[in-house]
N, C-alpha and C. Protein backbone atom coordinates (compact mmCIF):
# COMPACT_ATOMS: atom_id res chain seq x y z
N UNK A 1 3.73 54.20 -0.58
CA UNK A 1 2.59 53.46 -0.09
C UNK A 1 3.18 52.14 0.49
N UNK A 2 2.08 52.51 2.00
CA UNK A 2 2.57 51.18 3.03
C UNK A 2 1.30 49.90 3.11
N UNK A 3 2.17 48.72 3.17
CA UNK A 3 1.64 47.27 2.44
C UNK A 3 0.63 47.22 4.02
N UNK A 4 -0.42 46.92 4.42
CA UNK A 4 -1.31 46.58 5.26
C UNK A 4 -0.36 45.16 5.63
N UNK A 5 0.34 44.56 6.95
CA UNK A 5 0.35 43.18 6.83
C UNK A 5 -0.24 42.50 7.29
N UNK A 6 -1.62 42.40 7.17
CA UNK A 6 -2.67 41.81 7.31
C UNK A 6 -2.46 41.41 5.69
N UNK A 7 -2.90 42.14 4.74
CA UNK A 7 -3.00 41.50 3.97
C UNK A 7 -1.46 40.34 2.92
N UNK A 8 -0.61 41.18 3.59
CA UNK A 8 0.52 39.93 2.98
C UNK A 8 0.49 38.83 4.00
N UNK A 9 -0.12 38.61 4.98
CA UNK A 9 -0.28 36.71 5.31
C UNK A 9 -1.23 36.55 5.22
N UNK A 10 -2.72 36.97 4.71
CA UNK A 10 -3.78 36.48 4.13
C UNK A 10 -3.41 36.53 2.26
N UNK A 11 -2.49 36.80 1.84
CA UNK A 11 -1.71 36.14 0.71
C UNK A 11 -0.81 35.12 0.52
N UNK A 12 0.09 35.01 1.55
CA UNK A 12 0.99 34.18 2.06
C UNK A 12 0.13 32.50 2.13
N UNK A 13 -1.18 33.04 3.56
CA UNK A 13 -1.74 31.68 3.78
C UNK A 13 -2.09 31.36 2.54
N UNK A 14 -3.20 31.96 1.26
CA UNK A 14 -4.14 31.39 0.57
C UNK A 14 -2.69 31.23 -0.64
N UNK A 15 -1.83 31.76 -0.46
CA UNK A 15 -0.80 31.12 -1.50
C UNK A 15 0.03 29.80 -1.54
N UNK A 16 0.12 29.82 -0.34
CA UNK A 16 0.90 28.21 0.63
C UNK A 16 -0.39 27.09 0.07
N UNK A 17 -1.36 27.51 0.89
CA UNK A 17 -2.44 26.98 0.86
C UNK A 17 -2.60 25.85 -1.05
N UNK A 18 -2.28 26.87 -1.94
CA UNK A 18 -3.07 26.45 -3.16
C UNK A 18 -1.74 26.09 -3.65
N UNK A 19 -0.45 26.13 -3.20
CA UNK A 19 0.47 25.79 -3.54
C UNK A 19 0.47 24.14 -2.85
N UNK A 20 0.22 23.74 -1.52
CA UNK A 20 0.59 22.65 -1.73
C UNK A 20 -0.39 21.32 -1.99
N UNK A 21 -1.85 21.96 -2.19
CA UNK A 21 -2.73 21.47 -3.60
C UNK A 21 -3.27 20.62 -4.20
N UNK A 22 -2.58 19.09 -4.44
CA UNK A 22 -2.17 18.78 -5.44
C UNK A 22 -3.20 18.37 -6.51
N UNK A 23 -2.89 18.62 -8.03
CA UNK A 23 -3.77 18.50 -8.66
C UNK A 23 -3.62 17.59 -10.16
N UNK A 24 -4.05 16.85 -10.44
CA UNK A 24 -3.31 16.81 -11.85
C UNK A 24 -2.67 16.76 -12.89
N UNK A 25 -2.20 18.53 -12.65
CA UNK A 25 -0.64 19.08 -13.22
C UNK A 25 0.11 18.80 -12.79
N UNK A 26 -0.06 18.63 -11.36
CA UNK A 26 0.74 19.30 -10.44
C UNK A 26 1.39 18.25 -9.03
N UNK A 27 1.13 16.81 -9.15
CA UNK A 27 1.22 16.50 -8.61
C UNK A 27 2.48 15.01 -8.58
N UNK A 28 2.88 15.34 -9.69
CA UNK A 28 4.45 14.53 -10.17
C UNK A 28 5.39 15.43 -9.54
N UNK A 29 5.17 16.77 -9.37
CA UNK A 29 6.47 17.34 -9.34
C UNK A 29 6.24 17.57 -8.20
N UNK A 30 5.41 17.65 -7.07
CA UNK A 30 5.08 18.14 -5.94
C UNK A 30 6.37 17.91 -4.48
N UNK A 31 6.94 17.82 -3.76
CA UNK A 31 7.86 17.73 -2.53
C UNK A 31 7.82 16.68 -2.28
N UNK A 32 6.49 16.42 -1.98
CA UNK A 32 5.82 15.09 -1.04
C UNK A 32 5.65 14.16 -2.02
N UNK A 33 5.00 14.12 -3.36
CA UNK A 33 5.54 12.60 -4.23
C UNK A 33 6.81 12.30 -4.47
N UNK A 34 7.32 13.31 -4.58
CA UNK A 34 9.21 13.52 -4.40
C UNK A 34 9.81 12.29 -3.48
N UNK A 35 8.76 13.10 -2.77
CA UNK A 35 9.71 12.50 -1.01
C UNK A 35 9.46 10.80 -1.32
N UNK A 36 7.85 10.47 -1.50
CA UNK A 36 7.67 9.21 -1.54
C UNK A 36 8.47 8.16 -2.81
N UNK A 37 8.73 9.36 -3.93
CA UNK A 37 9.73 8.53 -4.59
C UNK A 37 11.24 8.05 -4.27
N UNK A 38 11.72 9.22 -3.10
CA UNK A 38 12.90 8.95 -2.66
C UNK A 38 13.15 7.17 -2.04
N UNK A 39 12.10 6.85 -1.33
CA UNK A 39 11.61 6.33 -0.66
C UNK A 39 11.87 4.87 -1.26
N UNK A 40 10.61 4.77 -2.11
CA UNK A 40 10.57 4.34 -3.27
C UNK A 40 11.51 3.93 -3.63
N UNK A 41 12.89 4.47 -4.21
CA UNK A 41 14.00 4.25 -4.68
C UNK A 41 14.71 3.38 -4.12
N UNK A 42 14.54 3.93 -2.44
CA UNK A 42 15.41 3.68 -1.29
C UNK A 42 14.98 1.78 -1.16
N UNK A 43 13.94 1.52 -1.40
CA UNK A 43 13.14 -0.22 -1.30
C UNK A 43 13.64 -0.43 -2.37
N UNK A 44 13.70 -0.16 -3.14
CA UNK A 44 14.02 -1.22 -4.35
C UNK A 44 15.13 -1.46 -4.78
N UNK A 45 16.30 -0.72 -4.08
CA UNK A 45 18.00 -0.91 -3.59
C UNK A 45 18.42 -1.36 -2.67
N UNK A 46 17.69 -1.61 -1.74
CA UNK A 46 17.86 -2.52 -0.52
C UNK A 46 17.51 -3.87 -0.50
N UNK A 47 18.32 -4.29 -0.07
CA UNK A 47 18.85 -6.21 0.10
C UNK A 47 18.35 -6.82 1.24
N UNK A 48 17.25 -7.60 1.64
CA UNK A 48 16.55 -7.80 2.76
C UNK A 48 16.43 -8.52 3.21
N UNK A 49 17.48 -8.64 4.26
CA UNK A 49 18.03 -9.82 5.23
C UNK A 49 17.12 -10.46 6.14
N UNK A 50 15.54 -10.29 6.86
CA UNK A 50 14.53 -9.66 6.89
C UNK A 50 13.25 -10.07 6.48
N UNK A 51 13.26 -11.61 6.16
CA UNK A 51 11.72 -11.52 4.76
C UNK A 51 11.01 -12.80 5.78
N UNK A 52 9.74 -12.87 5.95
CA UNK A 52 8.54 -13.42 5.76
C UNK A 52 7.92 -13.59 4.75
N UNK A 53 7.54 -14.85 4.95
CA UNK A 53 6.77 -15.39 4.18
C UNK A 53 5.32 -16.38 4.26
N UNK A 54 4.61 -15.97 3.74
CA UNK A 54 3.19 -16.71 4.01
C UNK A 54 2.50 -17.08 2.71
N UNK A 55 1.81 -18.63 2.46
CA UNK A 55 1.13 -19.44 0.92
C UNK A 55 0.02 -20.01 2.02
N UNK A 56 -1.27 -19.40 2.07
CA UNK A 56 -2.82 -19.68 2.64
C UNK A 56 -3.80 -19.92 2.07
N UNK A 57 -4.34 -20.71 1.93
CA UNK A 57 -6.13 -20.75 1.42
C UNK A 57 -7.02 -21.24 2.35
N UNK A 58 -7.91 -20.95 1.79
CA UNK A 58 -8.75 -21.23 2.71
C UNK A 58 -9.92 -21.74 2.35
N UNK A 59 -10.91 -22.52 3.37
CA UNK A 59 -12.22 -23.17 2.65
C UNK A 59 -13.11 -22.83 1.72
N UNK A 60 -13.03 -21.87 1.37
CA UNK A 60 -13.47 -21.07 -0.32
C UNK A 60 -12.27 -20.80 -1.22
N UNK A 61 -11.42 -21.83 -1.19
CA UNK A 61 -10.83 -22.24 -2.04
C UNK A 61 -10.15 -20.39 -2.41
N UNK A 62 -9.80 -19.08 -2.00
CA UNK A 62 -9.58 -18.62 -2.54
C UNK A 62 -7.79 -18.27 -1.50
N UNK A 63 -6.50 -18.11 -3.28
CA UNK A 63 -5.48 -18.60 -2.10
C UNK A 63 -4.74 -17.32 -1.56
N UNK A 64 -3.84 -17.13 -0.79
CA UNK A 64 -2.85 -15.87 -0.54
C UNK A 64 -1.87 -16.37 -0.32
N UNK A 65 -0.62 -15.25 -1.25
CA UNK A 65 0.32 -15.36 -1.07
C UNK A 65 1.11 -13.90 -0.36
N UNK A 66 1.97 -14.17 1.12
CA UNK A 66 1.99 -12.51 1.18
C UNK A 66 3.46 -12.87 1.84
N UNK A 67 4.41 -12.16 1.36
CA UNK A 67 5.75 -12.00 1.62
C UNK A 67 6.13 -9.96 2.74
N UNK A 68 6.59 -9.94 3.32
CA UNK A 68 6.91 -9.06 4.53
C UNK A 68 8.35 -8.72 4.47
N UNK A 69 9.11 -7.43 4.03
CA UNK A 69 10.05 -7.30 4.14
C UNK A 69 10.80 -6.53 5.06
N UNK A 70 11.74 -6.82 5.91
CA UNK A 70 11.70 -5.54 7.28
C UNK A 70 13.33 -5.31 6.97
N UNK A 71 13.69 -3.87 7.54
CA UNK A 71 14.62 -3.05 7.26
C UNK A 71 15.81 -3.63 8.29
N UNK A 72 17.14 -3.62 8.70
CA UNK A 72 18.17 -4.05 9.74
C UNK A 72 17.34 -4.50 11.11
N UNK A 73 16.71 -2.87 11.55
CA UNK A 73 16.20 -2.34 12.76
C UNK A 73 14.83 -3.35 12.75
N UNK A 74 14.11 -4.38 11.98
CA UNK A 74 12.99 -5.56 11.66
C UNK A 74 12.13 -4.07 12.08
N UNK A 75 11.84 -3.33 11.25
CA UNK A 75 10.93 -2.46 10.58
C UNK A 75 10.33 -2.68 9.30
N UNK A 76 9.06 -3.04 9.16
CA UNK A 76 8.70 -3.20 7.60
C UNK A 76 8.84 -2.04 7.12
N UNK A 77 9.36 -2.98 5.71
CA UNK A 77 9.08 -1.79 4.84
C UNK A 77 8.54 -1.85 3.07
N UNK A 78 8.54 -3.02 2.90
CA UNK A 78 7.92 -3.61 1.86
C UNK A 78 7.06 -4.25 1.93
N UNK A 79 5.77 -4.92 1.66
CA UNK A 79 4.85 -6.11 1.87
C UNK A 79 3.77 -6.31 0.90
N UNK A 80 4.28 -7.29 0.51
CA UNK A 80 3.31 -7.81 -0.86
C UNK A 80 2.14 -9.11 -0.67
N UNK A 81 1.39 -9.09 -1.26
CA UNK A 81 -0.10 -9.48 -1.21
C UNK A 81 -0.39 -10.30 -2.66
N UNK A 82 -0.81 -11.09 -2.47
CA UNK A 82 -1.59 -11.40 -4.01
C UNK A 82 -2.40 -12.30 -3.47
N UNK A 83 -3.91 -12.30 -3.99
CA UNK A 83 -5.09 -13.42 -3.44
C UNK A 83 -5.42 -14.14 -5.42
N UNK A 84 -6.23 -14.78 -5.06
CA UNK A 84 -6.98 -15.49 -6.14
C UNK A 84 -8.00 -16.61 -5.50
N UNK A 85 -9.06 -16.23 -6.38
CA UNK A 85 -10.39 -16.91 -6.17
C UNK A 85 -10.86 -16.76 -7.75
N UNK A 86 -11.40 -18.08 -7.78
CA UNK A 86 -11.77 -18.78 -8.99
C UNK A 86 -11.14 -17.49 -10.37
N UNK A 87 -11.67 -16.82 -10.64
CA UNK A 87 -11.31 -15.91 -12.30
C UNK A 87 -10.68 -14.75 -11.69
N UNK A 88 -10.92 -13.86 -10.08
CA UNK A 88 -10.53 -12.64 -9.89
C UNK A 88 -9.60 -13.08 -8.90
N UNK A 89 -8.53 -11.94 -9.50
CA UNK A 89 -7.24 -11.94 -8.43
C UNK A 89 -6.19 -10.58 -8.16
N UNK A 90 -5.89 -10.39 -7.32
CA UNK A 90 -5.75 -8.43 -6.48
C UNK A 90 -3.79 -9.12 -6.24
N UNK A 91 -3.45 -8.14 -6.70
CA UNK A 91 -1.68 -8.04 -6.03
C UNK A 91 -1.52 -6.35 -5.93
N UNK A 92 -1.23 -6.76 -4.68
CA UNK A 92 -1.01 -5.48 -3.35
C UNK A 92 0.64 -5.02 -3.52
N UNK A 93 1.00 -4.30 -3.82
CA UNK A 93 2.04 -4.09 -3.29
C UNK A 93 2.57 -2.43 -2.41
N UNK A 94 2.75 -2.13 -1.34
CA UNK A 94 3.31 -1.46 -0.05
C UNK A 94 4.43 -1.35 0.21
N UNK A 95 5.01 -0.28 -0.24
CA UNK A 95 5.90 0.88 0.63
C UNK A 95 5.90 1.08 1.83
N UNK A 96 6.73 1.58 2.69
CA UNK A 96 6.27 1.63 4.04
C UNK A 96 8.05 2.64 4.09
N UNK A 97 8.37 4.14 4.84
CA UNK A 97 8.99 4.59 5.05
C UNK A 97 9.38 3.93 6.47
N UNK A 98 10.82 4.53 7.35
CA UNK A 98 11.67 4.38 7.80
C UNK A 98 11.36 4.34 9.22
N UNK A 99 10.09 4.93 9.12
CA UNK A 99 9.04 4.64 10.68
C UNK A 99 7.90 3.59 10.58
N UNK A 100 7.67 2.69 9.40
CA UNK A 100 7.35 2.18 9.14
C UNK A 100 5.71 2.49 8.76
N UNK A 101 5.53 3.62 8.06
CA UNK A 101 4.50 4.00 7.94
C UNK A 101 4.38 3.99 6.11
N UNK A 102 3.11 3.41 5.85
CA UNK A 102 3.07 3.13 4.24
C UNK A 102 2.54 4.66 3.70
N UNK A 103 3.23 4.79 2.60
CA UNK A 103 3.59 5.73 2.18
C UNK A 103 3.23 5.37 0.65
N UNK A 104 3.28 4.31 0.25
CA UNK A 104 2.33 3.87 -1.18
C UNK A 104 2.33 2.94 -1.34
N UNK A 105 1.09 2.56 -2.23
CA UNK A 105 0.46 1.74 -2.42
C UNK A 105 0.12 1.33 -3.84
N UNK A 106 0.35 0.22 -4.68
CA UNK A 106 -0.22 0.27 -6.49
C UNK A 106 -0.95 -1.73 -6.19
N UNK A 107 -1.99 -1.22 -6.34
CA UNK A 107 -3.09 -2.75 -6.01
C UNK A 107 -3.82 -3.15 -7.77
N UNK A 108 -3.37 -3.84 -8.17
CA UNK A 108 -4.11 -4.27 -9.36
C UNK A 108 -4.96 -5.75 -9.18
N UNK A 109 -5.99 -5.02 -10.58
CA UNK A 109 -7.25 -6.16 -10.22
C UNK A 109 -7.11 -6.91 -11.28
N UNK A 110 -7.70 -8.26 -11.52
CA UNK A 110 -7.87 -8.27 -12.52
C UNK A 110 -8.96 -9.73 -12.83
N UNK A 111 -9.67 -9.80 -13.38
CA UNK A 111 -11.21 -10.67 -13.54
C UNK A 111 -10.94 -10.97 -15.49
N UNK A 112 -11.75 -12.20 -15.43
CA UNK A 112 -12.13 -12.44 -16.32
C UNK A 112 -12.54 -11.29 -17.58
N UNK A 113 -12.28 -12.20 -18.82
CA UNK A 113 -12.97 -11.85 -19.87
C UNK A 113 -12.29 -10.28 -20.06
N UNK A 114 -11.15 -9.81 -20.12
CA UNK A 114 -10.76 -8.76 -19.68
C UNK A 114 -10.38 -7.35 -18.75
N UNK A 115 -11.08 -7.76 -18.03
CA UNK A 115 -11.50 -6.63 -16.88
C UNK A 115 -9.49 -6.36 -16.21
N UNK A 116 -10.14 -4.87 -15.97
CA UNK A 116 -8.43 -4.38 -15.15
C UNK A 116 -8.35 -3.48 -14.54
N UNK A 117 -7.96 -3.27 -13.34
CA UNK A 117 -7.67 -2.29 -12.05
C UNK A 117 -6.36 -2.29 -12.07
N UNK A 118 -6.19 -0.52 -12.23
CA UNK A 118 -5.03 -0.49 -10.94
C UNK A 118 -5.44 1.08 -10.70
N UNK A 119 -4.88 0.77 -9.22
CA UNK A 119 -4.90 1.69 -8.40
C UNK A 119 -3.46 2.34 -7.63
N UNK A 120 -3.48 3.64 -7.49
CA UNK A 120 -2.37 4.40 -7.15
C UNK A 120 -2.01 4.84 -6.00
N UNK A 121 -2.13 5.11 -4.60
CA UNK A 121 -1.82 5.81 -3.57
C UNK A 121 -0.61 6.13 -3.03
N UNK A 122 -0.94 7.15 -3.14
CA UNK A 122 0.64 8.59 -2.68
C UNK A 122 -0.27 8.77 -0.88
N UNK A 123 0.68 8.33 0.35
CA UNK A 123 0.23 8.53 1.45
C UNK A 123 1.39 9.49 1.88
N UNK A 124 1.12 10.59 3.12
CA UNK A 124 1.41 10.94 4.31
C UNK A 124 2.06 10.30 5.17
N UNK A 125 2.65 10.68 6.06
CA UNK A 125 3.32 10.02 7.07
C UNK A 125 2.14 9.99 8.10
N UNK A 126 0.54 10.12 8.20
CA UNK A 126 -0.15 10.18 8.84
C UNK A 126 -1.33 9.36 8.31
N UNK A 127 -1.24 9.04 7.42
CA UNK A 127 -2.21 7.49 6.69
C UNK A 127 -3.27 8.15 5.50
N UNK A 128 -2.77 9.36 5.35
CA UNK A 128 -3.45 10.18 4.82
C UNK A 128 -3.48 10.37 3.12
N UNK A 129 -4.46 9.79 2.12
CA UNK A 129 -4.15 10.19 0.86
C UNK A 129 -3.64 11.79 0.27
N UNK A 130 -2.25 11.46 -0.17
CA UNK A 130 -2.09 12.71 -0.87
C UNK A 130 -2.48 13.16 -2.41
N UNK A 131 -2.80 11.72 -3.02
CA UNK A 131 -2.96 11.34 -3.96
C UNK A 131 -3.63 9.76 -4.57
N UNK A 132 -4.58 9.72 -5.40
CA UNK A 132 -5.02 8.64 -5.42
C UNK A 132 -5.12 8.50 -7.01
N UNK A 133 -4.64 7.60 -7.92
CA UNK A 133 -4.93 7.30 -9.31
C UNK A 133 -5.94 6.05 -9.46
N UNK A 134 -6.82 5.90 -10.50
CA UNK A 134 -7.22 4.61 -10.52
C UNK A 134 -8.00 4.63 -12.44
N UNK A 135 -7.30 3.84 -12.94
CA UNK A 135 -7.77 3.06 -13.87
C UNK A 135 -8.12 1.91 -14.21
N UNK A 136 -9.64 1.69 -15.22
CA UNK A 136 -9.82 0.84 -14.89
C UNK A 136 -10.32 0.41 -16.53
N UNK A 137 -9.94 -0.79 -17.23
CA UNK A 137 -10.33 -1.42 -18.70
C UNK A 137 -11.77 -2.68 -18.04
N UNK A 138 -13.05 -2.31 -18.91
CA UNK A 138 -13.62 -3.39 -18.41
C UNK A 138 -15.11 -2.90 -17.37
N UNK A 139 -16.07 -3.43 -16.96
CA UNK A 139 -17.36 -2.92 -16.11
C UNK A 139 -17.06 -3.60 -14.91
N UNK A 140 -16.28 -4.70 -14.36
CA UNK A 140 -16.15 -5.95 -13.45
C UNK A 140 -16.72 -4.33 -12.39
N UNK A 141 -17.22 -4.90 -11.19
CA UNK A 141 -17.29 -4.57 -9.52
C UNK A 141 -16.11 -4.65 -9.34
N UNK A 142 -15.19 -3.63 -9.14
CA UNK A 142 -14.30 -3.94 -8.27
C UNK A 142 -15.01 -3.54 -6.04
N UNK A 143 -13.49 -4.15 -5.37
CA UNK A 143 -13.88 -3.61 -4.09
C UNK A 143 -12.78 -2.81 -3.90
N UNK A 144 -13.25 -1.37 -2.99
CA UNK A 144 -12.48 0.16 -2.83
C UNK A 144 -11.68 -0.74 -2.40
N UNK A 145 -10.20 -0.55 -2.42
CA UNK A 145 -8.85 -1.36 -2.15
C UNK A 145 -8.97 -0.31 -0.31
N UNK A 146 -9.02 0.73 -0.15
CA UNK A 146 -8.86 1.74 1.08
C UNK A 146 -9.30 1.19 2.64
N UNK A 147 -11.09 -0.05 2.17
CA UNK A 147 -11.36 -0.87 3.25
C UNK A 147 -10.26 -1.84 3.59
N UNK A 148 -8.95 -1.91 3.05
CA UNK A 148 -8.47 -2.92 3.60
C UNK A 148 -7.16 -2.78 3.72
N UNK A 149 -7.21 -1.22 3.39
CA UNK A 149 -5.24 -0.99 3.49
C UNK A 149 -4.32 -1.31 4.42
N UNK A 150 -3.19 -2.10 4.27
CA UNK A 150 -2.24 -2.45 5.71
C UNK A 150 -1.57 -1.25 6.47
N UNK A 151 -2.20 -0.61 6.98
CA UNK A 151 -1.11 0.72 7.65
C UNK A 151 -0.27 0.12 8.68
N UNK A 152 -0.73 -1.34 8.78
CA UNK A 152 0.15 -1.83 9.79
C UNK A 152 0.18 -2.99 9.53
N UNK A 153 1.51 -2.88 8.26
CA UNK A 153 2.15 -4.29 7.80
C UNK A 153 1.96 -5.71 8.60
N UNK A 154 2.40 -5.52 10.12
CA UNK A 154 2.81 -7.00 10.54
C UNK A 154 1.56 -7.50 11.20
N UNK A 155 0.65 -6.18 11.49
CA UNK A 155 -0.56 -7.50 12.15
C UNK A 155 -1.70 -7.64 10.79
N UNK A 156 -1.36 -6.76 9.88
CA UNK A 156 -1.74 -7.62 8.55
C UNK A 156 -1.48 -8.93 7.97
N UNK A 157 0.06 -9.08 7.88
CA UNK A 157 0.81 -10.18 7.82
C UNK A 157 0.45 -10.99 8.81
N UNK A 158 0.36 -11.04 9.53
CA UNK A 158 -0.03 -12.17 11.10
C UNK A 158 -1.51 -12.51 10.93
N UNK A 159 -2.53 -11.91 10.90
CA UNK A 159 -3.73 -12.43 10.96
C UNK A 159 -3.95 -13.08 9.79
N UNK A 160 -4.37 -14.11 10.05
CA UNK A 160 -5.48 -15.13 9.27
C UNK A 160 -6.75 -14.58 8.19
N UNK A 161 -6.37 -15.19 7.11
CA UNK A 161 -8.05 -14.97 6.69
C UNK A 161 -9.05 -16.56 7.33
N UNK A 162 -10.27 -15.77 7.63
CA UNK A 162 -10.90 -16.97 8.35
C UNK A 162 -11.52 -18.25 7.14
N UNK A 163 -11.37 -19.52 8.19
CA UNK A 163 -11.36 -20.59 7.74
C UNK A 163 -10.04 -21.19 6.74
N UNK A 164 -8.85 -20.49 7.16
CA UNK A 164 -7.63 -21.46 6.69
C UNK A 164 -7.51 -22.70 6.84
N UNK A 165 -7.23 -23.44 5.11
CA UNK A 165 -6.83 -24.65 5.84
C UNK A 165 -5.31 -25.05 5.57
N UNK A 166 -4.81 -24.29 5.44
CA UNK A 166 -3.17 -24.19 4.94
C UNK A 166 -3.00 -23.14 4.78
N UNK A 167 -1.62 -23.42 5.90
CA UNK A 167 -0.58 -21.87 6.11
C UNK A 167 1.49 -22.81 6.24
N UNK A 168 1.51 -22.08 4.86
CA UNK A 168 2.71 -22.51 4.42
C UNK A 168 3.84 -21.27 4.93
N UNK A 169 5.03 -21.51 6.52
CA UNK A 169 5.62 -20.26 6.52
C UNK A 169 6.85 -20.47 6.09
N UNK A 170 8.08 -19.58 5.02
CA UNK A 170 8.76 -19.26 5.40
C UNK A 170 9.88 -18.36 5.08
N UNK A 171 11.00 -18.26 5.11
CA UNK A 171 11.43 -16.71 5.86
C UNK A 171 12.34 -17.43 7.08
N UNK A 172 12.35 -17.01 8.07
CA UNK A 172 12.96 -16.79 9.40
C UNK A 172 13.03 -18.29 10.24
N UNK A 173 11.87 -19.17 9.90
CA UNK A 173 11.48 -20.41 10.85
C UNK A 173 10.47 -19.94 11.95
N UNK A 174 10.00 -19.31 12.22
CA UNK A 174 9.14 -18.53 12.68
C UNK A 174 8.34 -19.07 12.37
N UNK A 175 7.18 -19.97 13.69
CA UNK A 175 6.07 -21.64 13.54
C UNK A 175 5.38 -20.58 12.92
N UNK A 176 4.02 -21.32 12.24
CA UNK A 176 3.12 -20.19 12.19
C UNK A 176 2.16 -20.65 12.99
N UNK A 177 0.67 -19.80 12.58
CA UNK A 177 -0.45 -20.24 14.27
C UNK A 177 -0.69 -21.44 13.31
N UNK A 178 -1.60 -21.74 14.22
CA UNK A 178 -2.25 -23.04 13.71
C UNK A 178 -3.35 -23.29 12.47
N UNK A 179 -3.75 -23.98 11.51
CA UNK A 179 -5.00 -23.47 10.85
C UNK A 179 -6.44 -24.00 11.86
N UNK A 180 -7.49 -23.03 10.71
CA UNK A 180 -8.42 -23.56 11.24
C UNK A 180 -9.03 -24.26 10.53
N UNK A 181 -9.71 -25.44 10.54
CA UNK A 181 -10.25 -26.15 10.18
C UNK A 181 -11.76 -25.70 9.14
N UNK A 182 -12.70 -26.33 8.18
CA UNK A 182 -13.59 -25.77 8.13
C UNK A 182 -14.60 -26.03 8.68
């Protein structure tokens, strides 16, 4: 029996395409996700010599704490941001690969009366979402974190919110931009 090579190509193509598609059943065992988990483990084990921190308040009373961690080559590897405004707060935890590309994000939101949300994102090296998970308790309407995802950690870290009234720069001693009054 002779097998047509065109059919082998078609079967292999569709077999590979379906093997690469992540589902609720296979995403945790995917090589792409495992690669990101290795990056996370690497970041967790790192002792960062280069850390920049900012504590910000704006004229509407919103506060932010920002921490940007660099590796020895000055490439951002971890970024943490926490915001609070009245009874709503968010914490953002981002992990970057050795090229400075966002690969993992975990965001948690809390809003009075037991409203809690948790987002988890896994990204490929081109800022495309490989896997996204969302869990919510309560009925609060949350802002989609994809609209403010810091693909460029340094730019996001340095950008001041509108109407900053206080900036405290800690870390390497670099002067902070002057805050703007209301």
